[in-house]
Amino acid sequence: MRKRALVAVVTSILLTAMGMTAMAAKRIPRKPYPVRGVVNINTAPTSKLLLLPYVGRSRARAIVQYRARHKFTRPADLIRVKGIGHRTFVLIKAHVTVSGPTTIRRLKPAGARRRR
């Protein structure tokens, strides 16, 4: 009886560990679409902020909420926004500006074919 109970416990632990590994694999961030241009974080709409690499809906909303209370004076001020840390800022700083027009656009993937 004890042997069966032990086998059942060990089996359930292994199955749980395998499930956790599969769940962890799903959390790997995807490679963002390539973009060209810059986003003026003081004036850009949410739709343009979403084009920034590693910026999703919640981060874009957080940027808009932050700029409603504070003006961005330099791109590094993005670190003050909840959800954007130093690592994320380093990844997006080439596409961020605080003056001038928003010119960001998504590029076509390298292997994409044209439709006719």
Protein backbone atom coordinates (compact mmCIF):
# COMPACT_ATOMS: atom_id res chain seq x y z
CA MET A 1 0.00 0.00 0.00
CA ARG A 2 2.78 2.42 0.89
CA LYS A 3 4.63 1.62 -2.30
CA ARG A 4 1.59 2.52 -4.43
CA ALA A 5 1.08 5.77 -2.54
CA LEU A 6 4.75 6.67 -3.00
CA VAL A 7 4.57 5.93 -6.72
CA ALA A 8 1.44 8.08 -7.02
CA VAL A 9 3.09 11.00 -5.23
CA VAL A 10 6.28 10.81 -7.28
CA THR A 11 4.27 10.56 -10.51
CA SER A 12 2.16 13.58 -9.63
CA ILE A 13 5.28 15.60 -8.77
CA LEU A 14 6.90 14.71 -12.09
CA LEU A 15 3.77 15.54 -14.06
CA THR A 16 3.44 18.87 -12.26
CA ALA A 17 7.10 19.69 -12.95
CA MET A 18 6.65 18.87 -16.63
CA GLY A 19 3.58 21.08 -16.77
CA MET A 20 5.46 23.95 -15.13
CA THR A 21 8.25 23.60 -17.69
CA ALA A 22 5.74 23.79 -20.53
CA MET A 23 4.13 26.87 -18.96
CA ALA A 24 7.52 28.54 -18.54
CA ALA A 25 8.32 27.90 -22.20
CA LYS A 26 5.21 29.85 -23.24
CA ARG A 27 6.43 32.95 -21.40
CA ILE A 28 9.47 33.46 -23.61
CA PRO A 29 8.98 36.85 -25.28
CA ARG A 30 8.66 36.79 -29.03
CA LYS A 31 11.08 38.64 -31.20
CA PRO A 32 9.44 41.99 -31.99
CA TYR A 33 8.62 43.09 -35.50
CA PRO A 34 11.33 45.25 -37.04
CA VAL A 35 10.48 48.95 -37.04
CA ARG A 36 11.99 52.08 -38.51
CA GLY A 37 11.62 55.63 -37.24
CA VAL A 38 10.96 57.25 -33.88
CA VAL A 39 8.03 57.89 -31.56
CA ASN A 40 7.54 61.23 -29.86
CA ILE A 41 6.46 59.99 -26.43
CA ASN A 42 4.92 63.38 -25.58
CA THR A 43 2.44 63.41 -28.48
CA ALA A 44 2.14 59.93 -30.02
CA PRO A 45 -1.20 58.11 -29.83
CA THR A 46 -1.42 54.68 -28.24
CA SER A 47 -1.48 53.02 -31.67
CA LYS A 48 1.99 54.37 -32.45
CA LEU A 49 3.35 53.54 -29.00
CA LEU A 50 2.29 49.93 -29.60
CA LEU A 51 4.74 49.75 -32.51
CA LEU A 52 7.67 50.12 -30.12
CA PRO A 53 9.47 46.82 -29.47
CA TYR A 54 8.46 45.18 -26.16
CA VAL A 55 5.65 47.70 -25.56
CA GLY A 56 2.19 46.19 -25.31
CA ARG A 57 -1.18 47.65 -24.41
CA SER A 58 -0.54 48.01 -20.70
CA ARG A 59 2.82 49.74 -21.15
CA ALA A 60 1.42 52.05 -23.85
CA ARG A 61 -1.47 53.01 -21.55
CA ALA A 62 0.99 53.59 -18.71
CA ILE A 63 3.01 55.96 -20.92
CA VAL A 64 -0.14 57.92 -21.86
CA GLN A 65 -1.25 58.12 -18.21
CA TYR A 66 2.20 59.26 -17.08
CA ARG A 67 2.44 61.99 -19.72
CA ALA A 68 -1.00 63.29 -18.73
CA ARG A 69 0.56 64.26 -15.38
CA HIS A 70 4.20 64.87 -16.35
CA LYS A 71 5.92 65.99 -19.53
CA PHE A 72 8.80 63.86 -20.75
CA THR A 73 11.89 66.08 -20.95
CA ARG A 74 14.28 63.36 -22.12
CA PRO A 75 13.83 59.80 -23.37
CA ALA A 76 15.33 58.35 -20.19
CA ASP A 77 12.27 59.63 -18.28
CA LEU A 78 10.48 56.51 -19.59
CA ILE A 79 12.12 54.58 -16.76
CA ARG A 80 9.76 56.40 -14.38
CA VAL A 81 6.75 54.78 -16.06
CA LYS A 82 5.44 51.70 -14.29
CA GLY A 83 6.34 48.58 -16.26
CA ILE A 84 9.35 50.06 -18.05
CA GLY A 85 12.66 49.40 -16.42
CA HIS A 86 16.23 50.00 -17.45
CA ARG A 87 16.42 46.83 -19.55
CA THR A 88 13.29 47.67 -21.55
CA PHE A 89 14.46 51.25 -22.03
CA VAL A 90 17.79 50.07 -23.46
CA LEU A 91 15.87 47.96 -26.01
CA ILE A 92 13.61 50.82 -27.17
CA LYS A 93 15.71 53.98 -26.73
CA ALA A 94 16.76 54.07 -30.39
CA HIS A 95 13.09 54.55 -31.33
CA VAL A 96 12.13 57.17 -28.71
CA THR A 97 12.28 60.97 -28.85
CA VAL A 98 10.66 63.83 -26.92
CA SER A 99 10.45 66.32 -29.79
CA GLY A 100 9.63 66.30 -33.47
CA PRO A 101 7.17 64.17 -35.41
CA THR A 102 6.36 60.50 -34.88
CA THR A 103 7.73 58.60 -37.87
CA ILE A 104 7.68 55.00 -36.68
CA ARG A 105 6.43 52.30 -39.01
CA ARG A 106 6.57 48.53 -39.04
CA LEU A 107 8.83 46.96 -41.65
CA LYS A 108 7.93 43.87 -43.62
CA PRO A 109 9.60 40.66 -42.39
CA ALA A 110 12.74 39.75 -44.34
CA GLY A 111 11.29 36.57 -45.85
CA ALA A 112 7.90 38.01 -46.80
CA ARG A 113 6.75 37.69 -50.39
CA ARG A 114 4.70 40.22 -52.27
CA ARG A 115 1.15 39.27 -53.17
CA ARG A 116 0.00 39.87 -56.71
